[in-house]
Amino acid sequence: MTITEKIFAAHCRREMVSPGDQVDAELDIVLANDVTAPIAIQELHKMGFDRFFDNDRVCLVMDHFAPCATTKSAQNCKYVRNFVKDTGVKHFYDVGRMGIEHALLPEQGIVTSGQLIVGGDSHTCTYGALGAFSTGMGSTDIAAGMATGELWFKVPESIRFVYRGSLPKYITGKDLILYTIGQIGVDGALYKAMEFSGEAIASLHMDGRFTMCNMAIEAGAKNGIIAPDEVTMAYVAQHNRSGRAYKIYSSDPDAQYSETYEFDVFALRPQVAFPHLPSNTKPVDEGAHIAIDQVIIGSCTNGRLDDLRAAASILRGKKVHPYVRTIVIPATQEIYQQAMGEGLIDIFIDAGAAVSTPTCGPCFGGHMGLLAAGEKAVSTTNRNFVGRMGSPEAEVYLASPYVAAASAITGKITAPEEMDK
């Protein structure tokens, strides 16, 4: 079996499962945010339940519209807060304590290796970087999971991606996943598990691995996953604050894959996804003529400490272009504090960037950095669909923190190597 199949077998008490099997599986963690939790809780009540199946295994994070920018979003957050007060939910993260959910849950040790995790957000697939199965679902399905602690699944086929060679300077997990999506398309892994392996993956820190698994959904995948190694175990040892049990799974040598892709990375250039699909990827050099109005460095994809360090290494001692709004959003309060301790926040502010409290706001066009008609942005977020970050007449270019920071300085899409000159 593959690692994904082994996790399913363990969670439905079977010795073996195969792709296409429909199984009832036990859930380790159920997640919802301020957009999806109100709907899920309402559905929970409709089903006749007044509380969750286990207050230690459901997590609610107010991160999308919080701090609230509209009365409607404030009402949604209030609805969730009242439910939490009535039921005593343990893992509730609100303004001042919260972070962007897919950075917060691994950081706090709520999710860990070998688990089966579902969330009311499509980028729940992030936790595959820990060697867990994790996937996003709609709020009604999430309500059923919150009520019973179980859900049914169809076991997905797996696609193996092998990345050969050493990563060149300025090439990150974001570049690897953008390149991969560019090769297979936004439906190239539809309802399949994307299993990432190879020397280049082994050399990635956890932050880069989270980025890769986070964007598996942009290829249509059910989940992204990386087998745990020494890097994973060091992260788990540091962050498993709640003492959750974990288990290590890896794919068998004779596991069956629907497809295998092998990529040599030694000559890979920094990648940029041009409008209006994550699969419309090109080397950064092809965008050198494109002037921009805004840069976003943050999100559940690239708001972690390594991402902020990368951006700061480019911005140190420089100024952002006078006509480019640059917004930096640390993904959690802890990351924010770590960045302050390392002097990264000073670098951003000295360069002329704005630094925000953790929020998903600009990524999905909620608040804190929407685009007007005709404007262009380079963003470290995960989607660049029409209207994703504001006006449907705006354009979003997805890139790594290195490219985003370099572009903020020059006012146009720029390769980070240009800053070395």
Foldseek 3Di string as FASTA:
>chain_A
DALLQVLQCVQQVHPGDDFQDKGKGFAQAEEEELVQVLVLCVLLVVVPDLFFPDLLRYAYAHFAQPVHDDPVSVVSVVSVVVSCVVHVRPHYAHPPAGFFVLVPCLQQQSDAASGEYEYQDQLQLLCLLRNYGYGYDHSNQSSVCRHPRIDMDRRAFEEEEEEEDEADPPDFLLQVQLVVCLVQHQQSAAAHEYEYYYPHSVPHASLSSSLNQSQPCSNNYRHYHYFDDPNSVVSSVVNNVVPDDHDGDRTDPPDDHPYYHYHYNPPRAFWKQWPAGSNNIDHLVVFQVAFAQEEEADDSNGQALVLLVLLLVLQAPAAFDPRYAYEHERRGPVRVVVCVVVVSVVSQVVNPYHYDYHHNHQQQQRDDDADDAPGEYEYCHRGFHQCRRHHSNYIYMHGGSLQRSVCRRPRTRDGNVVSVD
